[in-house]
C-alpha atoms as a PDB file:
ATOM      1  CA  UNK A   1      65.692  67.806  47.629  1.00  0.00           C
ATOM      2  CA  UNK A   2      66.598  66.014  44.419  1.00  0.00           C
ATOM      3  CA  UNK A   3      68.623  62.862  44.230  1.00  0.00           C
ATOM      4  CA  UNK A   4      71.251  62.442  41.533  1.00  0.00           C
ATOM      5  CA  UNK A   5      71.979  58.937  40.348  1.00  0.00           C
ATOM      6  CA  UNK A   6      75.389  58.072  38.932  1.00  0.00           C
ATOM      7  CA  UNK A   7      75.343  56.077  35.710  1.00  0.00           C
ATOM      8  CA  UNK A   8      78.696  54.676  34.611  1.00  0.00           C
ATOM      9  CA  UNK A   9      80.054  54.892  31.072  1.00  0.00           C
ATOM     10  CA  UNK A  10      79.854  51.113  30.853  1.00  0.00           C
ATOM     11  CA  UNK A  11      76.141  51.219  31.686  1.00  0.00           C
ATOM     12  CA  UNK A  12      75.500  53.948  29.126  1.00  0.00           C
ATOM     13  CA  UNK A  13      77.335  52.041  26.389  1.00  0.00           C
ATOM     14  CA  UNK A  14      75.591  48.784  27.311  1.00  0.00           C
ATOM     15  CA  UNK A  15      72.172  50.465  27.229  1.00  0.00           C
ATOM     16  CA  UNK A  16      72.892  51.873  23.769  1.00  0.00           C
ATOM     17  CA  UNK A  17      74.013  48.462  22.502  1.00  0.00           C
ATOM     18  CA  UNK A  18      70.964  46.769  24.046  1.00  0.00           C
ATOM     19  CA  UNK A  19      68.770  49.272  22.200  1.00  0.00           C
ATOM     20  CA  UNK A  20      70.255  48.089  18.912  1.00  0.00           C
ATOM     21  CA  UNK A  21      72.947  50.702  18.323  1.00  0.00           C
ATOM     22  CA  UNK A  22      76.110  49.764  16.466  1.00  0.00           C
ATOM     23  CA  UNK A  23      78.917  52.004  17.705  1.00  0.00           C
ATOM     24  CA  UNK A  24      82.438  52.764  16.533  1.00  0.00           C
ATOM     25  CA  UNK A  25      85.230  53.534  18.998  1.00  0.00           C
ATOM     26  CA  UNK A  26      85.030  57.216  18.050  1.00  0.00           C
ATOM     27  CA  UNK A  27      81.283  57.261  18.722  1.00  0.00           C
ATOM     28  CA  UNK A  28      81.759  55.672  22.141  1.00  0.00           C
ATOM     29  CA  UNK A  29      84.421  58.241  23.005  1.00  0.00           C
ATOM     30  CA  UNK A  30      82.349  61.200  21.779  1.00  0.00           C
ATOM     31  CA  UNK A  31      78.894  60.205  23.047  1.00  0.00           C
ATOM     32  CA  UNK A  32      79.832  58.736  26.392  1.00  0.00           C
ATOM     33  CA  UNK A  33      83.127  60.452  27.208  1.00  0.00           C
ATOM     34  CA  UNK A  34      85.098  57.228  27.337  1.00  0.00           C
ATOM     35  CA  UNK A  35      88.819  57.929  27.239  1.00  0.00           C
ATOM     36  CA  UNK A  36      89.545  54.364  26.163  1.00  0.00           C
ATOM     37  CA  UNK A  37      86.528  52.853  24.353  1.00  0.00           C
ATOM     38  CA  UNK A  38      88.228  49.474  23.923  1.00  0.00           C
ATOM     39  CA  UNK A  39      88.617  49.191  27.705  1.00  0.00           C
ATOM     40  CA  UNK A  40      84.890  49.868  28.174  1.00  0.00           C
ATOM     41  CA  UNK A  41      84.040  47.124  25.663  1.00  0.00           C
ATOM     42  CA  UNK A  42      86.524  44.728  27.268  1.00  0.00           C
ATOM     43  CA  UNK A  43      85.032  45.350  30.716  1.00  0.00           C
ATOM     44  CA  UNK A  44      81.556  44.585  29.373  1.00  0.00           C
ATOM     45  CA  UNK A  45      82.842  41.407  27.718  1.00  0.00           C
ATOM     46  CA  UNK A  46      84.421  40.306  31.014  1.00  0.00           C
ATOM     47  CA  UNK A  47      81.011  40.769  32.641  1.00  0.00           C
ATOM     48  CA  UNK A  48      79.603  38.247  30.169  1.00  0.00           C
ATOM     49  CA  UNK A  49      78.037  40.393  27.453  1.00  0.00           C
ATOM     50  CA  UNK A  50      78.554  39.019  23.917  1.00  0.00           C
ATOM     51  CA  UNK A  51      79.838  42.125  22.152  1.00  0.00           C
ATOM     52  CA  UNK A  52      81.110  41.644  18.616  1.00  0.00           C
ATOM     53  CA  UNK A  53      83.225  43.883  16.386  1.00  0.00           C
ATOM     54  CA  UNK A  54      81.934  43.899  12.812  1.00  0.00           C
ATOM     55  CA  UNK A  55      83.591  45.433   9.770  1.00  0.00           C
ATOM     56  CA  UNK A  56      81.360  47.541   7.496  1.00  0.00           C
ATOM     57  CA  UNK A  57      82.175  48.941   4.060  1.00  0.00           C
ATOM     58  CA  UNK A  58      80.171  51.788   2.576  1.00  0.00           C
ATOM     59  CA  UNK A  59      79.504  52.456  -1.117  1.00  0.00           C
ATOM     60  CA  UNK A  60      82.685  54.526  -1.396  1.00  0.00           C
ATOM     61  CA  UNK A  61      84.853  51.689  -0.067  1.00  0.00           C
ATOM     62  CA  UNK A  62      85.469  53.200   3.372  1.00  0.00           C
ATOM     63  CA  UNK A  63      85.782  50.579   6.072  1.00  0.00           C
ATOM     64  CA  UNK A  64      84.575  51.097   9.648  1.00  0.00           C
ATOM     65  CA  UNK A  65      84.558  48.754  12.623  1.00  0.00           C
ATOM     66  CA  UNK A  66      81.402  48.793  14.726  1.00  0.00           C
ATOM     67  CA  UNK A  67      80.611  47.121  18.031  1.00  0.00           C
ATOM     68  CA  UNK A  68      77.254  45.423  18.466  1.00  0.00           C
ATOM     69  CA  UNK A  69      75.582  43.293  21.091  1.00  0.00           C
ATOM     70  CA  UNK A  70      74.897  39.824  19.756  1.00  0.00           C
ATOM     71  CA  UNK A  71      73.843  36.404  20.866  1.00  0.00           C
ATOM     72  CA  UNK A  72      76.566  34.025  21.895  1.00  0.00           C
ATOM     73  CA  UNK A  73      76.593  30.707  20.079  1.00  0.00           C
ATOM     74  CA  UNK A  74      75.913  27.486  21.945  1.00  0.00           C
ATOM     75  CA  UNK A  75      79.534  26.472  21.459  1.00  0.00           C
ATOM     76  CA  UNK A  76      80.792  29.610  23.198  1.00  0.00           C
ATOM     77  CA  UNK A  77      78.422  29.167  26.121  1.00  0.00           C
ATOM     78  CA  UNK A  78      79.361  25.487  26.398  1.00  0.00           C
ATOM     79  CA  UNK A  79      83.073  26.380  26.392  1.00  0.00           C
ATOM     80  CA  UNK A  80      82.462  28.875  29.210  1.00  0.00           C
ATOM     81  CA  UNK A  81      80.682  26.297  31.341  1.00  0.00           C
ATOM     82  CA  UNK A  82      83.435  23.776  30.584  1.00  0.00           C
ATOM     83  CA  UNK A  83      86.099  26.275  31.688  1.00  0.00           C
ATOM     84  CA  UNK A  84      84.200  26.926  34.929  1.00  0.00           C
ATOM     85  CA  UNK A  85      83.843  23.202  35.601  1.00  0.00           C
ATOM     86  CA  UNK A  86      87.585  22.643  35.164  1.00  0.00           C
ATOM     87  CA  UNK A  87      88.632  25.409  37.522  1.00  0.00           C
END
Protein backbone atom coordinates (compact mmCIF):
# COMPACT_ATOMS: atom_id res chain seq x y z
CA UNK A 1 0.00 0.00 0.00
CA UNK A 2 1.37 3.40 -0.93
CA UNK A 3 0.91 6.52 1.10
CA UNK A 4 0.16 9.82 -0.60
CA UNK A 5 1.35 12.97 1.10
CA UNK A 6 -0.48 16.25 0.54
CA UNK A 7 1.75 19.23 -0.19
CA UNK A 8 0.01 22.60 -0.14
CA UNK A 9 0.46 25.28 -2.80
CA UNK A 10 2.05 27.50 -0.17
CA UNK A 11 4.66 24.83 0.57
CA UNK A 12 5.40 24.33 -3.12
CA UNK A 13 5.84 28.06 -3.71
CA UNK A 14 7.98 28.44 -0.58
CA UNK A 15 10.21 25.53 -1.63
CA UNK A 16 10.72 27.10 -5.06
CA UNK A 17 11.59 30.47 -3.50
CA UNK A 18 13.96 28.82 -1.00
CA UNK A 19 15.72 27.15 -3.94
CA UNK A 20 16.44 30.57 -5.41
CA UNK A 21 13.60 30.93 -7.90
CA UNK A 22 12.21 34.36 -8.70
CA UNK A 23 8.56 33.95 -9.69
CA UNK A 24 5.97 36.21 -11.28
CA UNK A 25 2.29 35.95 -10.36
CA UNK A 26 1.59 34.22 -13.68
CA UNK A 27 4.32 31.66 -13.00
CA UNK A 28 2.91 30.91 -9.55
CA UNK A 29 -0.56 30.44 -11.03
CA UNK A 30 0.66 28.22 -13.88
CA UNK A 31 3.24 26.09 -12.05
CA UNK A 32 1.45 25.58 -8.77
CA UNK A 33 -2.21 26.00 -9.70
CA UNK A 34 -2.75 28.95 -7.39
CA UNK A 35 -5.98 30.74 -8.23
CA UNK A 36 -4.83 33.85 -6.40
CA UNK A 37 -1.00 34.04 -6.32
CA UNK A 38 -1.00 37.24 -4.26
CA UNK A 39 -2.96 35.47 -1.51
CA UNK A 40 -0.38 32.66 -1.43
CA UNK A 41 2.43 35.21 -1.07
CA UNK A 42 0.51 37.13 1.60
CA UNK A 43 -0.08 33.93 3.59
CA UNK A 44 3.64 33.15 3.48
CA UNK A 45 4.47 36.69 4.59
CA UNK A 46 2.05 36.36 7.52
CA UNK A 47 3.92 33.20 8.52
CA UNK A 48 7.09 35.28 8.78
CA UNK A 49 8.86 34.67 5.48
CA UNK A 50 10.56 37.80 4.05
CA UNK A 51 9.23 37.73 0.49
CA UNK A 52 9.99 40.76 -1.65
CA UNK A 53 8.51 41.94 -4.94
CA UNK A 54 11.21 43.23 -7.29
CA UNK A 55 10.72 45.02 -10.59
CA UNK A 56 12.84 43.81 -13.53
CA UNK A 57 13.27 45.42 -16.94
CA UNK A 58 14.59 43.45 -19.89
CA UNK A 59 16.60 44.78 -22.84
CA UNK A 60 13.41 45.56 -24.76
CA UNK A 61 12.03 47.71 -21.93
CA UNK A 62 9.41 45.21 -20.75
CA UNK A 63 8.83 45.38 -17.02
CA UNK A 64 7.98 42.34 -14.89
CA UNK A 65 7.45 42.01 -11.15
CA UNK A 66 9.04 38.97 -9.53
CA UNK A 67 8.75 37.60 -6.01
CA UNK A 68 11.88 36.42 -4.24
CA UNK A 69 12.78 35.20 -0.79
CA UNK A 70 15.17 37.60 0.89
CA UNK A 71 16.72 38.36 4.21
CA UNK A 72 14.86 40.73 6.46
CA UNK A 73 16.84 43.73 7.65
CA UNK A 74 17.67 44.15 11.32
CA UNK A 75 15.30 47.11 11.48
CA UNK A 76 12.37 45.00 10.28
CA UNK A 77 13.11 42.23 12.75
CA UNK A 78 13.51 44.76 15.57
CA UNK A 79 10.17 46.38 14.65
CA UNK A 80 8.49 42.96 14.79
CA UNK A 81 9.87 42.23 18.24
CA UNK A 82 8.86 45.72 19.38
CA UNK A 83 5.30 45.16 18.12
CA UNK A 84 5.13 41.83 19.97
CA UNK A 85 6.42 43.42 23.18
CA UNK A 86 3.76 46.15 23.03
CA UNK A 87 0.85 43.79 22.54
